[in-house]
PDB file of N, CA and C in Angstrom:
ATOM      1  N   UNK A   1      66.464 150.258  74.140  1.00  0.00           N
ATOM      2  CA  UNK A   1      66.521 151.531  73.428  1.00  0.00           C
ATOM      3  C   UNK A   1      67.294 152.529  74.285  1.00  0.00           C
ATOM      4  N   UNK A   2      68.189 153.272  73.681  1.00  0.00           N
ATOM      5  CA  UNK A   2      68.929 154.289  74.414  1.00  0.00           C
ATOM      6  C   UNK A   2      68.268 155.637  74.230  1.00  0.00           C
ATOM      7  N   UNK A   3      68.712 156.599  75.011  1.00  0.00           N
ATOM      8  CA  UNK A   3      68.176 157.947  74.901  1.00  0.00           C
ATOM      9  C   UNK A   3      68.407 158.531  73.518  1.00  0.00           C
ATOM     10  N   UNK A   4      69.562 158.179  72.927  1.00  0.00           N
ATOM     11  CA  UNK A   4      69.845 158.690  71.589  1.00  0.00           C
ATOM     12  C   UNK A   4      68.880 158.086  70.576  1.00  0.00           C
ATOM     13  N   UNK A   5      68.589 156.784  70.731  1.00  0.00           N
ATOM     14  CA  UNK A   5      67.633 156.144  69.832  1.00  0.00           C
ATOM     15  C   UNK A   5      66.224 156.691  70.050  1.00  0.00           C
ATOM     16  N   UNK A   6      65.913 157.024  71.305  1.00  0.00           N
ATOM     17  CA  UNK A   6      64.592 157.562  71.621  1.00  0.00           C
ATOM     18  C   UNK A   6      64.451 158.990  71.110  1.00  0.00           C
ATOM     19  N   UNK A   7      65.575 159.626  70.800  1.00  0.00           N
ATOM     20  CA  UNK A   7      65.544 160.963  70.220  1.00  0.00           C
ATOM     21  C   UNK A   7      65.237 162.071  71.212  1.00  0.00           C
ATOM     22  N   UNK A   8      65.742 161.962  72.430  1.00  0.00           N
ATOM     23  CA  UNK A   8      65.517 163.020  73.418  1.00  0.00           C
ATOM     24  C   UNK A   8      66.306 164.260  73.029  1.00  0.00           C
ATOM     25  N   UNK A   9      65.614 165.231  72.510  1.00  0.00           N
ATOM     26  CA  UNK A   9      66.273 166.449  72.033  1.00  0.00           C
ATOM     27  C   UNK A   9      65.568 167.706  72.544  1.00  0.00           C
ATOM     28  N   UNK A  10      64.708 167.535  73.533  1.00  0.00           N
ATOM     29  CA  UNK A  10      63.933 168.668  74.041  1.00  0.00           C
ATOM     30  C   UNK A  10      64.794 169.708  74.739  1.00  0.00           C
ATOM     31  N   UNK A  11      64.162 170.795  75.107  1.00  0.00           N
ATOM     32  CA  UNK A  11      64.829 171.885  75.821  1.00  0.00           C
ATOM     33  C   UNK A  11      65.421 171.352  77.118  1.00  0.00           C
ATOM     34  N   UNK A  12      66.653 171.730  77.414  1.00  0.00           N
ATOM     35  CA  UNK A  12      67.316 171.271  78.632  1.00  0.00           C
ATOM     36  C   UNK A  12      66.664 171.946  79.840  1.00  0.00           C
ATOM     37  N   UNK A  13      66.250 171.109  80.805  1.00  0.00           N
ATOM     38  CA  UNK A  13      65.450 171.572  81.931  1.00  0.00           C
ATOM     39  C   UNK A  13      65.959 170.931  83.221  1.00  0.00           C
ATOM     40  N   UNK A  14      65.987 171.697  84.294  1.00  0.00           N
ATOM     41  CA  UNK A  14      66.364 171.141  85.591  1.00  0.00           C
ATOM     42  C   UNK A  14      65.163 170.440  86.216  1.00  0.00           C
ATOM     43  N   UNK A  15      65.430 169.555  87.157  1.00  0.00           N
ATOM     44  CA  UNK A  15      64.337 168.901  87.879  1.00  0.00           C
ATOM     45  C   UNK A  15      63.510 169.926  88.645  1.00  0.00           C
ATOM     46  N   UNK A  16      64.170 170.936  89.212  1.00  0.00           N
ATOM     47  CA  UNK A  16      63.451 171.979  89.941  1.00  0.00           C
ATOM     48  C   UNK A  16      62.449 172.684  89.030  1.00  0.00           C
ATOM     49  N   UNK A  17      62.893 173.061  87.848  1.00  0.00           N
ATOM     50  CA  UNK A  17      61.990 173.753  86.916  1.00  0.00           C
ATOM     51  C   UNK A  17      60.885 172.825  86.427  1.00  0.00           C
ATOM     52  N   UNK A  18      61.185 171.571  86.209  1.00  0.00           N
ATOM     53  CA  UNK A  18      60.180 170.628  85.724  1.00  0.00           C
ATOM     54  C   UNK A  18      59.134 170.323  86.787  1.00  0.00           C
ATOM     55  N   UNK A  19      59.594 170.099  88.015  1.00  0.00           N
ATOM     56  CA  UNK A  19      58.687 169.715  89.095  1.00  0.00           C
ATOM     57  C   UNK A  19      58.065 170.901  89.837  1.00  0.00           C
ATOM     58  N   UNK A  20      58.636 172.086  89.625  1.00  0.00           N
ATOM     59  CA  UNK A  20      58.211 173.307  90.335  1.00  0.00           C
ATOM     60  C   UNK A  20      58.445 173.201  91.842  1.00  0.00           C
ATOM     61  N   UNK A  21      59.439 172.391  92.217  1.00  0.00           N
ATOM     62  CA  UNK A  21      59.844 172.261  93.620  1.00  0.00           C
ATOM     63  C   UNK A  21      61.169 171.505  93.642  1.00  0.00           C
ATOM     64  N   UNK A  22      61.913 171.589  94.739  1.00  0.00           N
ATOM     65  CA  UNK A  22      63.162 170.833  94.818  1.00  0.00           C
ATOM     66  C   UNK A  22      62.903 169.331  94.712  1.00  0.00           C
ATOM     67  N   UNK A  23      63.746 168.649  93.974  1.00  0.00           N
ATOM     68  CA  UNK A  23      63.571 167.210  93.771  1.00  0.00           C
ATOM     69  C   UNK A  23      64.129 166.404  94.940  1.00  0.00           C
ATOM     70  N   UNK A  24      65.167 166.914  95.565  1.00  0.00           N
ATOM     71  CA  UNK A  24      65.823 166.166  96.631  1.00  0.00           C
ATOM     72  C   UNK A  24      66.915 165.274  96.070  1.00  0.00           C
ATOM     73  N   UNK A  25      67.831 164.898  96.923  1.00  0.00           N
ATOM     74  CA  UNK A  25      69.006 164.151  96.451  1.00  0.00           C
ATOM     75  C   UNK A  25      68.679 162.728  96.003  1.00  0.00           C
ATOM     76  N   UNK A  26      67.723 162.064  96.655  1.00  0.00           N
ATOM     77  CA  UNK A  26      67.404 160.681  96.292  1.00  0.00           C
ATOM     78  C   UNK A  26      66.778 160.631  94.899  1.00  0.00           C
ATOM     79  N   UNK A  27      65.765 161.437  94.659  1.00  0.00           N
ATOM     80  CA  UNK A  27      65.123 161.463  93.344  1.00  0.00           C
ATOM     81  C   UNK A  27      66.106 161.945  92.287  1.00  0.00           C
ATOM     82  N   UNK A  28      66.890 162.969  92.611  1.00  0.00           N
ATOM     83  CA  UNK A  28      67.884 163.465  91.660  1.00  0.00           C
ATOM     84  C   UNK A  28      68.857 162.384  91.228  1.00  0.00           C
ATOM     85  N   UNK A  29      69.292 161.574  92.184  1.00  0.00           N
ATOM     86  CA  UNK A  29      70.224 160.485  91.872  1.00  0.00           C
ATOM     87  C   UNK A  29      69.550 159.435  90.996  1.00  0.00           C
ATOM     88  N   UNK A  30      68.292 159.109  91.281  1.00  0.00           N
ATOM     89  CA  UNK A  30      67.566 158.116  90.486  1.00  0.00           C
ATOM     90  C   UNK A  30      67.405 158.578  89.036  1.00  0.00           C
ATOM     91  N   UNK A  31      67.055 159.837  88.850  1.00  0.00           N
ATOM     92  CA  UNK A  31      66.881 160.379  87.497  1.00  0.00           C
ATOM     93  C   UNK A  31      68.217 160.370  86.763  1.00  0.00           C
ATOM     94  N   UNK A  32      69.282 160.806  87.431  1.00  0.00           N
ATOM     95  CA  UNK A  32      70.609 160.845  86.800  1.00  0.00           C
ATOM     96  C   UNK A  32      71.072 159.447  86.401  1.00  0.00           C
ATOM     97  N   UNK A  33      70.884 158.465  87.278  1.00  0.00           N
ATOM     98  CA  UNK A  33      71.305 157.099  86.962  1.00  0.00           C
ATOM     99  C   UNK A  33      70.541 156.546  85.759  1.00  0.00           C
ATOM    100  N   UNK A  34      69.249 156.828  85.693  1.00  0.00           N
ATOM    101  CA  UNK A  34      68.449 156.366  84.551  1.00  0.00           C
ATOM    102  C   UNK A  34      68.914 157.039  83.272  1.00  0.00           C
ATOM    103  N   UNK A  35      69.163 158.335  83.332  1.00  0.00           N
ATOM    104  CA  UNK A  35      69.619 159.068  82.149  1.00  0.00           C
ATOM    105  C   UNK A  35      70.946 158.508  81.641  1.00  0.00           C
ATOM    106  N   UNK A  36      71.862 158.219  82.551  1.00  0.00           N
ATOM    107  CA  UNK A  36      73.162 157.661  82.158  1.00  0.00           C
ATOM    108  C   UNK A  36      72.974 156.295  81.502  1.00  0.00           C
ATOM    109  N   UNK A  37      72.145 155.441  82.106  1.00  0.00           N
ATOM    110  CA  UNK A  37      71.905 154.103  81.543  1.00  0.00           C
ATOM    111  C   UNK A  37      71.332 154.176  80.133  1.00  0.00           C
ATOM    112  N   UNK A  38      70.492 155.173  79.889  1.00  0.00           N
ATOM    113  CA  UNK A  38      69.846 155.309  78.578  1.00  0.00           C
ATOM    114  C   UNK A  38      70.672 156.119  77.578  1.00  0.00           C
ATOM    115  N   UNK A  39      71.765 156.688  78.037  1.00  0.00           N
ATOM    116  CA  UNK A  39      72.593 157.500  77.147  1.00  0.00           C
ATOM    117  C   UNK A  39      72.002 158.868  76.856  1.00  0.00           C
ATOM    118  N   UNK A  40      71.184 159.369  77.777  1.00  0.00           N
ATOM    119  CA  UNK A  40      70.549 160.680  77.597  1.00  0.00           C
ATOM    120  C   UNK A  40      71.567 161.778  77.881  1.00  0.00           C
ATOM    121  N   UNK A  41      71.554 162.808  77.078  1.00  0.00           N
ATOM    122  CA  UNK A  41      72.455 163.941  77.260  1.00  0.00           C
ATOM    123  C   UNK A  41      72.128 164.641  78.578  1.00  0.00           C
ATOM    124  N   UNK A  42      73.171 164.905  79.377  1.00  0.00           N
ATOM    125  CA  UNK A  42      73.029 165.630  80.638  1.00  0.00           C
ATOM    126  C   UNK A  42      73.983 166.813  80.593  1.00  0.00           C
ATOM    127  N   UNK A  43      73.482 167.974  80.967  1.00  0.00           N
ATOM    128  CA  UNK A  43      74.329 169.165  81.078  1.00  0.00           C
ATOM    129  C   UNK A  43      74.393 169.569  82.541  1.00  0.00           C
ATOM    130  N   UNK A  44      75.482 170.213  82.919  1.00  0.00           N
ATOM    131  CA  UNK A  44      75.639 170.741  84.272  1.00  0.00           C
ATOM    132  C   UNK A  44      75.636 172.257  84.216  1.00  0.00           C
ATOM    133  N   UNK A  45      75.075 172.860  85.252  1.00  0.00           N
ATOM    134  CA  UNK A  45      75.054 174.320  85.347  1.00  0.00           C
ATOM    135  C   UNK A  45      75.266 174.689  86.809  1.00  0.00           C
ATOM    136  N   UNK A  46      76.016 175.733  87.031  1.00  0.00           N
ATOM    137  CA  UNK A  46      76.231 176.237  88.383  1.00  0.00           C
ATOM    138  C   UNK A  46      75.185 177.309  88.663  1.00  0.00           C
ATOM    139  N   UNK A  47      74.520 177.226  89.814  1.00  0.00           N
ATOM    140  CA  UNK A  47      73.518 178.229  90.188  1.00  0.00           C
ATOM    141  C   UNK A  47      73.800 178.742  91.595  1.00  0.00           C
ATOM    142  N   UNK A  48      73.398 179.983  91.844  1.00  0.00           N
ATOM    143  CA  UNK A  48      73.474 180.590  93.176  1.00  0.00           C
ATOM    144  C   UNK A  48      72.147 181.255  93.462  1.00  0.00           C
ATOM    145  N   UNK A  49      71.471 180.770  94.496  1.00  0.00           N
ATOM    146  CA  UNK A  49      70.234 181.395  94.960  1.00  0.00           C
ATOM    147  C   UNK A  49      70.366 181.580  96.466  1.00  0.00           C
ATOM    148  N   UNK A  50      69.340 182.143  97.078  1.00  0.00           N
ATOM    149  CA  UNK A  50      69.370 182.309  98.533  1.00  0.00           C
ATOM    150  C   UNK A  50      69.368 180.953  99.241  1.00  0.00           C
ATOM    151  N   UNK A  51      68.767 179.937  98.605  1.00  0.00           N
ATOM    152  CA  UNK A  51      68.617 178.639  99.257  1.00  0.00           C
ATOM    153  C   UNK A  51      69.581 177.569  98.768  1.00  0.00           C
ATOM    154  N   UNK A  52      70.164 177.771  97.603  1.00  0.00           N
ATOM    155  CA  UNK A  52      71.049 176.732  97.051  1.00  0.00           C
ATOM    156  C   UNK A  52      72.182 177.353  96.264  1.00  0.00           C
ATOM    157  N   UNK A  53      73.350 176.766  96.432  1.00  0.00           N
ATOM    158  CA  UNK A  53      74.526 177.186  95.680  1.00  0.00           C
ATOM    159  C   UNK A  53      75.262 175.928  95.272  1.00  0.00           C
ATOM    160  N   UNK A  54      75.431 175.727  93.974  1.00  0.00           N
ATOM    161  CA  UNK A  54      76.142 174.557  93.506  1.00  0.00           C
ATOM    162  C   UNK A  54      75.728 174.152  92.112  1.00  0.00           C
ATOM    163  N   UNK A  55      76.169 172.949  91.725  1.00  0.00           N
ATOM    164  CA  UNK A  55      75.874 172.446  90.381  1.00  0.00           C
ATOM    165  C   UNK A  55      74.515 171.764  90.352  1.00  0.00           C
ATOM    166  N   UNK A  56      73.829 171.946  89.244  1.00  0.00           N
ATOM    167  CA  UNK A  56      72.587 171.230  88.988  1.00  0.00           C
ATOM    168  C   UNK A  56      72.713 170.530  87.647  1.00  0.00           C
ATOM    169  N   UNK A  57      71.904 169.522  87.456  1.00  0.00           N
ATOM    170  CA  UNK A  57      71.896 168.793  86.186  1.00  0.00           C
ATOM    171  C   UNK A  57      70.671 169.214  85.382  1.00  0.00           C
ATOM    172  N   UNK A  58      70.863 169.267  84.074  1.00  0.00           N
ATOM    173  CA  UNK A  58      69.779 169.594  83.151  1.00  0.00           C
ATOM    174  C   UNK A  58      69.572 168.403  82.226  1.00  0.00           C
ATOM    175  N   UNK A  59      68.313 168.104  81.948  1.00  0.00           N
ATOM    176  CA  UNK A  59      67.942 166.969  81.104  1.00  0.00           C
ATOM    177  C   UNK A  59      67.001 167.452  80.009  1.00  0.00           C
ATOM    178  N   UNK A  60      66.952 166.748  78.877  1.00  0.00           N
ATOM    179  CA  UNK A  60      65.962 167.104  77.864  1.00  0.00           C
ATOM    180  C   UNK A  60      64.552 166.977  78.464  1.00  0.00           C
ATOM    181  N   UNK A  61      63.734 167.987  78.242  1.00  0.00           N
ATOM    182  CA  UNK A  61      62.391 168.009  78.826  1.00  0.00           C
ATOM    183  C   UNK A  61      61.586 166.765  78.434  1.00  0.00           C
ATOM    184  N   UNK A  62      61.736 166.302  77.188  1.00  0.00           N
ATOM    185  CA  UNK A  62      60.966 165.128  76.774  1.00  0.00           C
ATOM    186  C   UNK A  62      61.410 163.864  77.525  1.00  0.00           C
ATOM    187  N   UNK A  63      62.685 163.786  77.929  1.00  0.00           N
ATOM    188  CA  UNK A  63      63.122 162.678  78.772  1.00  0.00           C
ATOM    189  C   UNK A  63      62.423 162.747  80.129  1.00  0.00           C
ATOM    190  N   UNK A  64      62.377 163.933  80.724  1.00  0.00           N
ATOM    191  CA  UNK A  64      61.716 164.075  82.022  1.00  0.00           C
ATOM    192  C   UNK A  64      60.234 163.744  81.924  1.00  0.00           C
ATOM    193  N   UNK A  65      59.602 164.139  80.832  1.00  0.00           N
ATOM    194  CA  UNK A  65      58.183 163.814  80.640  1.00  0.00           C
ATOM    195  C   UNK A  65      57.996 162.296  80.581  1.00  0.00           C
ATOM    196  N   UNK A  66      58.877 161.598  79.878  1.00  0.00           N
ATOM    197  CA  UNK A  66      58.799 160.135  79.820  1.00  0.00           C
ATOM    198  C   UNK A  66      59.102 159.520  81.188  1.00  0.00           C
ATOM    199  N   UNK A  67      60.114 160.028  81.862  1.00  0.00           N
ATOM    200  CA  UNK A  67      60.514 159.469  83.152  1.00  0.00           C
ATOM    201  C   UNK A  67      59.379 159.558  84.162  1.00  0.00           C
ATOM    202  N   UNK A  68      58.731 160.710  84.216  1.00  0.00           N
ATOM    203  CA  UNK A  68      57.672 160.915  85.188  1.00  0.00           C
ATOM    204  C   UNK A  68      56.302 160.505  84.675  1.00  0.00           C
ATOM    205  N   UNK A  69      56.241 159.992  83.451  1.00  0.00           N
ATOM    206  CA  UNK A  69      54.966 159.513  82.888  1.00  0.00           C
ATOM    207  C   UNK A  69      54.007 160.665  82.666  1.00  0.00           C
ATOM    208  N   UNK A  70      52.793 160.428  82.981  1.00  0.00           N
ATOM    209  CA  UNK A  70      51.742 161.438  82.800  1.00  0.00           C
ATOM    210  C   UNK A  70      51.777 162.409  83.957  1.00  0.00           C
ATOM    211  N   UNK A  71      52.868 163.140  84.078  1.00  0.00           N
ATOM    212  CA  UNK A  71      53.042 164.078  85.178  1.00  0.00           C
ATOM    213  C   UNK A  71      52.085 165.249  85.019  1.00  0.00           C
ATOM    214  N   UNK A  72      51.245 165.460  86.010  1.00  0.00           N
ATOM    215  CA  UNK A  72      50.247 166.531  85.966  1.00  0.00           C
ATOM    216  C   UNK A  72      50.667 167.636  86.908  1.00  0.00           C
ATOM    217  N   UNK A  73      51.091 168.766  86.323  1.00  0.00           N
ATOM    218  CA  UNK A  73      51.533 169.880  87.162  1.00  0.00           C
ATOM    219  C   UNK A  73      50.378 170.740  87.556  1.00  0.00           C
TER     220      UNK A  73
END
């Protein structure tokens, strides 16, 4: 099943916003690779904060919920 077949259409969310903390490059790469394999829509956004400046990836929130399973924040 691809992301399109799974119907991932949720609000586009960054890993930072979903996890409430920085994801790190290793986890970020794993999530991105899975999203690409499944055909999940990915958006890029440029951000500037005191701690980070650069591009971030945004994923449908329902994809992140599935990826992380029963994620309890």
